[in-house]
mmCIF file of all heavy atoms, coordinates in Angstrom:
data_MODEL
# 
_entry.id   MODEL 
# 
loop_
_atom_site.group_PDB 
_atom_site.id 
_atom_site.type_symbol 
_atom_site.label_atom_id 
_atom_site.label_alt_id 
_atom_site.label_comp_id 
_atom_site.label_asym_id 
_atom_site.label_entity_id 
_atom_site.label_seq_id 
_atom_site.pdbx_PDB_ins_code 
_atom_site.Cartn_x 
_atom_site.Cartn_y 
_atom_site.Cartn_z 
_atom_site.occupancy 
_atom_site.B_iso_or_equiv 
_atom_site.pdbx_formal_charge 
_atom_site.auth_seq_id 
_atom_site.auth_comp_id 
_atom_site.auth_asym_id 
_atom_site.auth_atom_id 
_atom_site.pdbx_PDB_model_num 
ATOM 1   N N   . ILE A 1 1  ? -14.043 -15.158 -14.158 1.00 0.00 ? 1  ILE A N   1 
ATOM 2   C CA  . ILE A 1 1  ? -13.384 -14.180 -15.038 1.00 0.00 ? 1  ILE A CA  1 
ATOM 3   C C   . ILE A 1 1  ? -12.093 -13.680 -14.401 1.00 0.00 ? 1  ILE A C   1 
ATOM 4   O O   . ILE A 1 1  ? -11.045 -13.552 -15.057 1.00 0.00 ? 1  ILE A O   1 
ATOM 5   C CB  . ILE A 1 1  ? -14.341 -13.011 -15.331 1.00 0.00 ? 1  ILE A CB  1 
ATOM 6   C CG1 . ILE A 1 1  ? -15.495 -13.500 -16.198 1.00 0.00 ? 1  ILE A CG1 1 
ATOM 7   C CG2 . ILE A 1 1  ? -13.597 -11.865 -16.020 1.00 0.00 ? 1  ILE A CG2 1 
ATOM 8   C CD1 . ILE A 1 1  ? -16.605 -12.483 -16.380 1.00 0.00 ? 1  ILE A CD1 1 
ATOM 9   N N   . ALA A 1 2  ? -12.151 -13.404 -13.107 1.00 0.00 ? 2  ALA A N   1 
ATOM 10  C CA  . ALA A 1 2  ? -10.950 -12.937 -12.410 1.00 0.00 ? 2  ALA A CA  1 
ATOM 11  C C   . ALA A 1 2  ? -9.847  -13.982 -12.435 1.00 0.00 ? 2  ALA A C   1 
ATOM 12  O O   . ALA A 1 2  ? -8.668  -13.672 -12.630 1.00 0.00 ? 2  ALA A O   1 
ATOM 13  C CB  . ALA A 1 2  ? -11.318 -12.575 -10.962 1.00 0.00 ? 2  ALA A CB  1 
ATOM 14  N N   . ARG A 1 3  ? -10.251 -15.269 -12.222 1.00 0.00 ? 3  ARG A N   1 
ATOM 15  C CA  . ARG A 1 3  ? -9.270  -16.345 -12.277 1.00 0.00 ? 3  ARG A CA  1 
ATOM 16  C C   . ARG A 1 3  ? -8.660  -16.470 -13.662 1.00 0.00 ? 3  ARG A C   1 
ATOM 17  O O   . ARG A 1 3  ? -7.444  -16.630 -13.803 1.00 0.00 ? 3  ARG A O   1 
ATOM 18  C CB  . ARG A 1 3  ? -9.919  -17.664 -11.857 1.00 0.00 ? 3  ARG A CB  1 
ATOM 19  C CG  . ARG A 1 3  ? -8.978  -18.866 -11.893 1.00 0.00 ? 3  ARG A CG  1 
ATOM 20  C CD  . ARG A 1 3  ? -9.662  -20.104 -11.351 1.00 0.00 ? 3  ARG A CD  1 
ATOM 21  N NE  . ARG A 1 3  ? -10.900 -20.393 -12.047 1.00 0.00 ? 3  ARG A NE  1 
ATOM 22  C CZ  . ARG A 1 3  ? -10.970 -20.997 -13.253 1.00 0.00 ? 3  ARG A CZ  1 
ATOM 23  N NH1 . ARG A 1 3  ? -9.843  -21.337 -13.878 1.00 0.00 ? 3  ARG A NH1 1 
ATOM 24  N NH2 . ARG A 1 3  ? -12.141 -21.234 -13.808 1.00 0.00 ? 3  ARG A NH2 1 
ATOM 25  N N   . LEU A 1 4  ? -9.519  -16.396 -14.697 1.00 0.00 ? 4  LEU A N   1 
ATOM 26  C CA  . LEU A 1 4  ? -9.015  -16.491 -16.071 1.00 0.00 ? 4  LEU A CA  1 
ATOM 27  C C   . LEU A 1 4  ? -8.103  -15.322 -16.406 1.00 0.00 ? 4  LEU A C   1 
ATOM 28  O O   . LEU A 1 4  ? -7.067  -15.489 -17.077 1.00 0.00 ? 4  LEU A O   1 
ATOM 29  C CB  . LEU A 1 4  ? -10.190 -16.553 -17.047 1.00 0.00 ? 4  LEU A CB  1 
ATOM 30  C CG  . LEU A 1 4  ? -11.029 -17.823 -16.998 1.00 0.00 ? 4  LEU A CG  1 
ATOM 31  C CD1 . LEU A 1 4  ? -12.245 -17.709 -17.926 1.00 0.00 ? 4  LEU A CD1 1 
ATOM 32  C CD2 . LEU A 1 4  ? -10.179 -19.036 -17.395 1.00 0.00 ? 4  LEU A CD2 1 
ATOM 33  N N   . LYS A 1 5  ? -8.477  -14.133 -15.941 1.00 0.00 ? 5  LYS A N   1 
ATOM 34  C CA  . LYS A 1 5  ? -7.631  -12.968 -16.178 1.00 0.00 ? 5  LYS A CA  1 
ATOM 35  C C   . LYS A 1 5  ? -6.271  -13.150 -15.500 1.00 0.00 ? 5  LYS A C   1 
ATOM 36  O O   . LYS A 1 5  ? -5.224  -12.806 -16.054 1.00 0.00 ? 5  LYS A O   1 
ATOM 37  C CB  . LYS A 1 5  ? -8.307  -11.712 -15.663 1.00 0.00 ? 5  LYS A CB  1 
ATOM 38  C CG  . LYS A 1 5  ? -9.449  -11.206 -16.536 1.00 0.00 ? 5  LYS A CG  1 
ATOM 39  C CD  . LYS A 1 5  ? -10.027 -9.917  -15.974 1.00 0.00 ? 5  LYS A CD  1 
ATOM 40  C CE  . LYS A 1 5  ? -11.110 -9.361  -16.894 1.00 0.00 ? 5  LYS A CE  1 
ATOM 41  N NZ  . LYS A 1 5  ? -11.694 -8.096  -16.351 1.00 0.00 ? 5  LYS A NZ  1 
ATOM 42  N N   . ALA A 1 6  ? -6.288  -13.698 -14.288 1.00 0.00 ? 6  ALA A N   1 
ATOM 43  C CA  . ALA A 1 6  ? -5.035  -13.935 -13.566 1.00 0.00 ? 6  ALA A CA  1 
ATOM 44  C C   . ALA A 1 6  ? -4.166  -14.951 -14.292 1.00 0.00 ? 6  ALA A C   1 
ATOM 45  O O   . ALA A 1 6  ? -2.939  -14.797 -14.396 1.00 0.00 ? 6  ALA A O   1 
ATOM 46  C CB  . ALA A 1 6  ? -5.339  -14.407 -12.139 1.00 0.00 ? 6  ALA A CB  1 
ATOM 47  N N   . GLU A 1 7  ? -4.835  -16.009 -14.793 1.00 0.00 ? 7  GLU A N   1 
ATOM 48  C CA  . GLU A 1 7  ? -4.088  -17.024 -15.546 1.00 0.00 ? 7  GLU A CA  1 
ATOM 49  C C   . GLU A 1 7  ? -3.500  -16.433 -16.816 1.00 0.00 ? 7  GLU A C   1 
ATOM 50  O O   . GLU A 1 7  ? -2.345  -16.710 -17.171 1.00 0.00 ? 7  GLU A O   1 
ATOM 51  C CB  . GLU A 1 7  ? -5.004  -18.201 -15.864 1.00 0.00 ? 7  GLU A CB  1 
ATOM 52  C CG  . GLU A 1 7  ? -5.386  -19.032 -14.639 1.00 0.00 ? 7  GLU A CG  1 
ATOM 53  C CD  . GLU A 1 7  ? -6.337  -20.157 -14.985 1.00 0.00 ? 7  GLU A CD  1 
ATOM 54  O OE1 . GLU A 1 7  ? -6.727  -20.238 -16.182 1.00 0.00 ? 7  GLU A OE1 1 
ATOM 55  O OE2 . GLU A 1 7  ? -6.690  -20.958 -14.093 1.00 0.00 ? 7  GLU A OE2 1 
ATOM 56  N N   . LEU A 1 8  ? -4.312  -15.609 -17.510 1.00 0.00 ? 8  LEU A N   1 
ATOM 57  C CA  . LEU A 1 8  ? -3.818  -14.967 -18.729 1.00 0.00 ? 8  LEU A CA  1 
ATOM 58  C C   . LEU A 1 8  ? -2.653  -14.029 -18.426 1.00 0.00 ? 8  LEU A C   1 
ATOM 59  O O   . LEU A 1 8  ? -1.672  -13.972 -19.166 1.00 0.00 ? 8  LEU A O   1 
ATOM 60  C CB  . LEU A 1 8  ? -4.956  -14.204 -19.417 1.00 0.00 ? 8  LEU A CB  1 
ATOM 61  C CG  . LEU A 1 8  ? -6.022  -15.059 -20.105 1.00 0.00 ? 8  LEU A CG  1 
ATOM 62  C CD1 . LEU A 1 8  ? -7.168  -14.188 -20.603 1.00 0.00 ? 8  LEU A CD1 1 
ATOM 63  C CD2 . LEU A 1 8  ? -5.413  -15.836 -21.270 1.00 0.00 ? 8  LEU A CD2 1 
ATOM 64  N N   . ALA A 1 9  ? -2.775  -13.295 -17.318 1.00 0.00 ? 9  ALA A N   1 
ATOM 65  C CA  . ALA A 1 9  ? -1.701  -12.383 -16.935 1.00 0.00 ? 9  ALA A CA  1 
ATOM 66  C C   . ALA A 1 9  ? -0.428  -13.159 -16.603 1.00 0.00 ? 9  ALA A C   1 
ATOM 67  O O   . ALA A 1 9  ? 0.681   -12.756 -16.970 1.00 0.00 ? 9  ALA A O   1 
ATOM 68  C CB  . ALA A 1 9  ? -2.147  -11.542 -15.736 1.00 0.00 ? 9  ALA A CB  1 
ATOM 69  N N   . ALA A 1 10 ? -0.611  -14.292 -15.912 1.00 0.00 ? 10 ALA A N   1 
ATOM 70  C CA  . ALA A 1 10 ? 0.553   -15.118 -15.567 1.00 0.00 ? 10 ALA A CA  1 
ATOM 71  C C   . ALA A 1 10 ? 1.206   -15.690 -16.816 1.00 0.00 ? 10 ALA A C   1 
ATOM 72  O O   . ALA A 1 10 ? 2.433   -15.713 -16.938 1.00 0.00 ? 10 ALA A O   1 
ATOM 73  C CB  . ALA A 1 10 ? 0.131   -16.245 -14.622 1.00 0.00 ? 10 ALA A CB  1 
ATOM 74  N N   . GLN A 1 11 ? 0.370   -16.145 -17.761 1.00 0.00 ? 11 GLN A N   1 
ATOM 75  C CA  . GLN A 1 11 ? 0.895   -16.674 -19.013 1.00 0.00 ? 11 GLN A CA  1 
ATOM 76  C C   . GLN A 1 11 ? 1.605   -15.586 -19.811 1.00 0.00 ? 11 GLN A C   1 
ATOM 77  O O   . GLN A 1 11 ? 2.664   -15.815 -20.400 1.00 0.00 ? 11 GLN A O   1 
ATOM 78  C CB  . GLN A 1 11 ? -0.227  -17.306 -19.825 1.00 0.00 ? 11 GLN A CB  1 
ATOM 79  C CG  . GLN A 1 11 ? -0.756  -18.606 -19.230 1.00 0.00 ? 11 GLN A CG  1 
ATOM 80  C CD  . GLN A 1 11 ? -1.892  -19.181 -20.040 1.00 0.00 ? 11 GLN A CD  1 
ATOM 81  O OE1 . GLN A 1 11 ? -2.392  -18.541 -20.967 1.00 0.00 ? 11 GLN A OE1 1 
ATOM 82  N NE2 . GLN A 1 11 ? -2.321  -20.387 -19.687 1.00 0.00 ? 11 GLN A NE2 1 
ATOM 83  N N   . ALA A 1 12 ? 0.994   -14.398 -19.818 1.00 0.00 ? 12 ALA A N   1 
ATOM 84  C CA  . ALA A 1 12 ? 1.617   -13.286 -20.533 1.00 0.00 ? 12 ALA A CA  1 
ATOM 85  C C   . ALA A 1 12 ? 2.960   -12.931 -19.917 1.00 0.00 ? 12 ALA A C   1 
ATOM 86  O O   . ALA A 1 12 ? 3.949   -12.660 -20.618 1.00 0.00 ? 12 ALA A O   1 
ATOM 87  C CB  . ALA A 1 12 ? 0.686   -12.074 -20.528 1.00 0.00 ? 12 ALA A CB  1 
ATOM 88  N N   . ALA A 1 13 ? 2.997   -12.941 -18.567 1.00 0.00 ? 13 ALA A N   1 
ATOM 89  C CA  . ALA A 1 13 ? 4.262   -12.648 -17.881 1.00 0.00 ? 13 ALA A CA  1 
ATOM 90  C C   . ALA A 1 13 ? 5.305   -13.714 -18.187 1.00 0.00 ? 13 ALA A C   1 
ATOM 91  O O   . ALA A 1 13 ? 6.491   -13.417 -18.387 1.00 0.00 ? 13 ALA A O   1 
ATOM 92  C CB  . ALA A 1 13 ? 4.018   -12.556 -16.372 1.00 0.00 ? 13 ALA A CB  1 
ATOM 93  N N   . LEU A 1 14 ? 4.864   -14.995 -18.212 1.00 0.00 ? 14 LEU A N   1 
ATOM 94  C CA  . LEU A 1 14 ? 5.781   -16.088 -18.522 1.00 0.00 ? 14 LEU A CA  1 
ATOM 95  C C   . LEU A 1 14 ? 6.310   -15.968 -19.940 1.00 0.00 ? 14 LEU A C   1 
ATOM 96  O O   . LEU A 1 14 ? 7.514   -16.143 -20.187 1.00 0.00 ? 14 LEU A O   1 
ATOM 97  C CB  . LEU A 1 14 ? 5.067   -17.426 -18.338 1.00 0.00 ? 14 LEU A CB  1 
ATOM 98  C CG  . LEU A 1 14 ? 5.890   -18.687 -18.667 1.00 0.00 ? 14 LEU A CG  1 
ATOM 99  C CD1 . LEU A 1 14 ? 7.125   -18.762 -17.773 1.00 0.00 ? 14 LEU A CD1 1 
ATOM 100 C CD2 . LEU A 1 14 ? 5.041   -19.947 -18.522 1.00 0.00 ? 14 LEU A CD2 1 
ATOM 101 N N   . ILE A 1 15 ? 5.402   -15.655 -20.890 1.00 0.00 ? 15 ILE A N   1 
ATOM 102 C CA  . ILE A 1 15 ? 5.820   -15.500 -22.286 1.00 0.00 ? 15 ILE A CA  1 
ATOM 103 C C   . ILE A 1 15 ? 6.799   -14.334 -22.422 1.00 0.00 ? 15 ILE A C   1 
ATOM 104 O O   . ILE A 1 15 ? 7.812   -14.423 -23.123 1.00 0.00 ? 15 ILE A O   1 
ATOM 105 C CB  . ILE A 1 15 ? 4.595   -15.292 -23.185 1.00 0.00 ? 15 ILE A CB  1 
ATOM 106 C CG1 . ILE A 1 15 ? 3.768   -16.588 -23.245 1.00 0.00 ? 15 ILE A CG1 1 
ATOM 107 C CG2 . ILE A 1 15 ? 5.012   -14.864 -24.590 1.00 0.00 ? 15 ILE A CG2 1 
ATOM 108 C CD1 . ILE A 1 15 ? 2.440   -16.429 -23.948 1.00 0.00 ? 15 ILE A CD1 1 
ATOM 109 N N   . ALA A 1 16 ? 6.494   -13.235 -21.718 1.00 0.00 ? 16 ALA A N   1 
ATOM 110 C CA  . ALA A 1 16 ? 7.394   -12.086 -21.764 1.00 0.00 ? 16 ALA A CA  1 
ATOM 111 C C   . ALA A 1 16 ? 8.766   -12.444 -21.197 1.00 0.00 ? 16 ALA A C   1 
ATOM 112 O O   . ALA A 1 16 ? 9.804   -12.075 -21.748 1.00 0.00 ? 16 ALA A O   1 
ATOM 113 C CB  . ALA A 1 16 ? 6.782   -10.915 -20.992 1.00 0.00 ? 16 ALA A CB  1 
ATOM 114 N N   . SER A 1 17 ? 8.745   -13.194 -20.073 1.00 0.00 ? 17 SER A N   1 
ATOM 115 C CA  . SER A 1 17 ? 10.002  -13.609 -19.461 1.00 0.00 ? 17 SER A CA  1 
ATOM 116 C C   . SER A 1 17 ? 10.789  -14.531 -20.385 1.00 0.00 ? 17 SER A C   1 
ATOM 117 O O   . SER A 1 17 ? 12.005  -14.401 -20.536 1.00 0.00 ? 17 SER A O   1 
ATOM 118 C CB  . SER A 1 17 ? 9.716   -14.315 -18.139 1.00 0.00 ? 17 SER A CB  1 
ATOM 119 O OG  . SER A 1 17 ? 10.903  -14.836 -17.573 1.00 0.00 ? 17 SER A OG  1 
ATOM 120 N N   . GLN A 1 18 ? 10.058  -15.465 -21.015 1.00 0.00 ? 18 GLN A N   1 
ATOM 121 C CA  . GLN A 1 18 ? 10.719  -16.373 -21.954 1.00 0.00 ? 18 GLN A CA  1 
ATOM 122 C C   . GLN A 1 18 ? 11.251  -15.611 -23.162 1.00 0.00 ? 18 GLN A C   1 
ATOM 123 O O   . GLN A 1 18 ? 12.316  -15.940 -23.688 1.00 0.00 ? 18 GLN A O   1 
ATOM 124 C CB  . GLN A 1 18 ? 9.743   -17.463 -22.393 1.00 0.00 ? 18 GLN A CB  1 
ATOM 125 C CG  . GLN A 1 18 ? 9.408   -18.463 -21.291 1.00 0.00 ? 18 GLN A CG  1 
ATOM 126 C CD  . GLN A 1 18 ? 8.356   -19.468 -21.717 1.00 0.00 ? 18 GLN A CD  1 
ATOM 127 O OE1 . GLN A 1 18 ? 7.586   -19.220 -22.648 1.00 0.00 ? 18 GLN A OE1 1 
ATOM 128 N NE2 . GLN A 1 18 ? 8.332   -20.600 -21.022 1.00 0.00 ? 18 GLN A NE2 1 
ATOM 129 N N   . GLY A 1 19 ? 10.489  -14.597 -23.591 1.00 0.00 ? 19 GLY A N   1 
ATOM 130 C CA  . GLY A 1 19 ? 10.961  -13.782 -24.709 1.00 0.00 ? 19 GLY A CA  1 
ATOM 131 C C   . GLY A 1 19 ? 12.242  -13.051 -24.374 1.00 0.00 ? 19 GLY A C   1 
ATOM 132 O O   . GLY A 1 19 ? 13.175  -12.991 -25.180 1.00 0.00 ? 19 GLY A O   1 
ATOM 133 N N   . VAL A 1 20 ? 12.295  -12.490 -23.150 1.00 0.00 ? 20 VAL A N   1 
ATOM 134 C CA  . VAL A 1 20 ? 13.513  -11.810 -22.698 1.00 0.00 ? 20 VAL A CA  1 
ATOM 135 C C   . VAL A 1 20 ? 14.671  -12.800 -22.610 1.00 0.00 ? 20 VAL A C   1 
ATOM 136 O O   . VAL A 1 20 ? 15.789  -12.525 -23.047 1.00 0.00 ? 20 VAL A O   1 
ATOM 137 C CB  . VAL A 1 20 ? 13.272  -11.133 -21.338 1.00 0.00 ? 20 VAL A CB  1 
ATOM 138 C CG1 . VAL A 1 20 ? 14.589  -10.606 -20.765 1.00 0.00 ? 20 VAL A CG1 1 
ATOM 139 C CG2 . VAL A 1 20 ? 12.266  -10.000 -21.476 1.00 0.00 ? 20 VAL A CG2 1 
ATOM 140 N N   . SER A 1 21 ? 14.368  -13.994 -22.050 1.00 0.00 ? 21 SER A N   1 
ATOM 141 C CA  . SER A 1 21 ? 15.411  -15.019 -21.924 1.00 0.00 ? 21 SER A CA  1 
ATOM 142 C C   . SER A 1 21 ? 15.895  -15.476 -23.292 1.00 0.00 ? 21 SER A C   1 
ATOM 143 O O   . SER A 1 21 ? 17.095  -15.664 -23.509 1.00 0.00 ? 21 SER A O   1 
ATOM 144 C CB  . SER A 1 21 ? 14.866  -16.207 -21.136 1.00 0.00 ? 21 SER A CB  1 
ATOM 145 O OG  . SER A 1 21 ? 15.830  -17.238 -21.034 1.00 0.00 ? 21 SER A OG  1 
ATOM 146 N N   . LEU A 1 22 ? 14.928  -15.645 -24.218 1.00 0.00 ? 22 LEU A N   1 
ATOM 147 C CA  . LEU A 1 22 ? 15.296  -16.069 -25.575 1.00 0.00 ? 22 LEU A CA  1 
ATOM 148 C C   . LEU A 1 22 ? 16.127  -15.009 -26.267 1.00 0.00 ? 22 LEU A C   1 
ATOM 149 O O   . LEU A 1 22 ? 17.127  -15.317 -26.930 1.00 0.00 ? 22 LEU A O   1 
ATOM 150 C CB  . LEU A 1 22 ? 14.028  -16.365 -26.382 1.00 0.00 ? 22 LEU A CB  1 
ATOM 151 C CG  . LEU A 1 22 ? 14.236  -16.839 -27.822 1.00 0.00 ? 22 LEU A CG  1 
ATOM 152 C CD1 . LEU A 1 22 ? 15.016  -18.150 -27.839 1.00 0.00 ? 22 LEU A CD1 1 
ATOM 153 C CD2 . LEU A 1 22 ? 12.895  -17.018 -28.533 1.00 0.00 ? 22 LEU A CD2 1 
ATOM 154 N N   . ALA A 1 23 ? 15.722  -13.742 -26.106 1.00 0.00 ? 23 ALA A N   1 
ATOM 155 C CA  . ALA A 1 23 ? 16.487  -12.650 -26.713 1.00 0.00 ? 23 ALA A CA  1 
ATOM 156 C C   . ALA A 1 23 ? 17.887  -12.581 -26.127 1.00 0.00 ? 23 ALA A C   1 
ATOM 157 O O   . ALA A 1 23 ? 18.875  -12.361 -26.843 1.00 0.00 ? 23 ALA A O   1 
ATOM 158 C CB  . ALA A 1 23 ? 15.755  -11.329 -26.511 1.00 0.00 ? 23 ALA A CB  1 
ATOM 159 N N   . HIS A 1 24 ? 17.992  -12.813 -24.803 1.00 0.00 ? 24 HIS A N   1 
ATOM 160 C CA  . HIS A 1 24 ? 19.300  -12.808 -24.158 1.00 0.00 ? 24 HIS A CA  1 
ATOM 161 C C   . HIS A 1 24 ? 20.154  -13.966 -24.666 1.00 0.00 ? 24 HIS A C   1 
ATOM 162 O O   . HIS A 1 24 ? 21.350  -13.791 -24.955 1.00 0.00 ? 24 HIS A O   1 
ATOM 163 C CB  . HIS A 1 24 ? 19.116  -12.907 -22.643 1.00 0.00 ? 24 HIS A CB  1 
ATOM 164 C CG  . HIS A 1 24 ? 20.398  -12.875 -21.876 1.00 0.00 ? 24 HIS A CG  1 
ATOM 165 N ND1 . HIS A 1 24 ? 21.238  -11.777 -21.856 1.00 0.00 ? 24 HIS A ND1 1 
ATOM 166 C CD2 . HIS A 1 24 ? 21.010  -13.831 -21.100 1.00 0.00 ? 24 HIS A CD2 1 
ATOM 167 C CE1 . HIS A 1 24 ? 22.293  -12.050 -21.117 1.00 0.00 ? 24 HIS A CE1 1 
ATOM 168 N NE2 . HIS A 1 24 ? 22.182  -13.282 -20.646 1.00 0.00 ? 24 HIS A NE2 1 
# 
């Protein structure tokens, strides 16, 4: 569960970063 949560958090961070990059 901890590993999956970490992966989800990393994916969420990546999506957020891509969203910021896309908006920019």
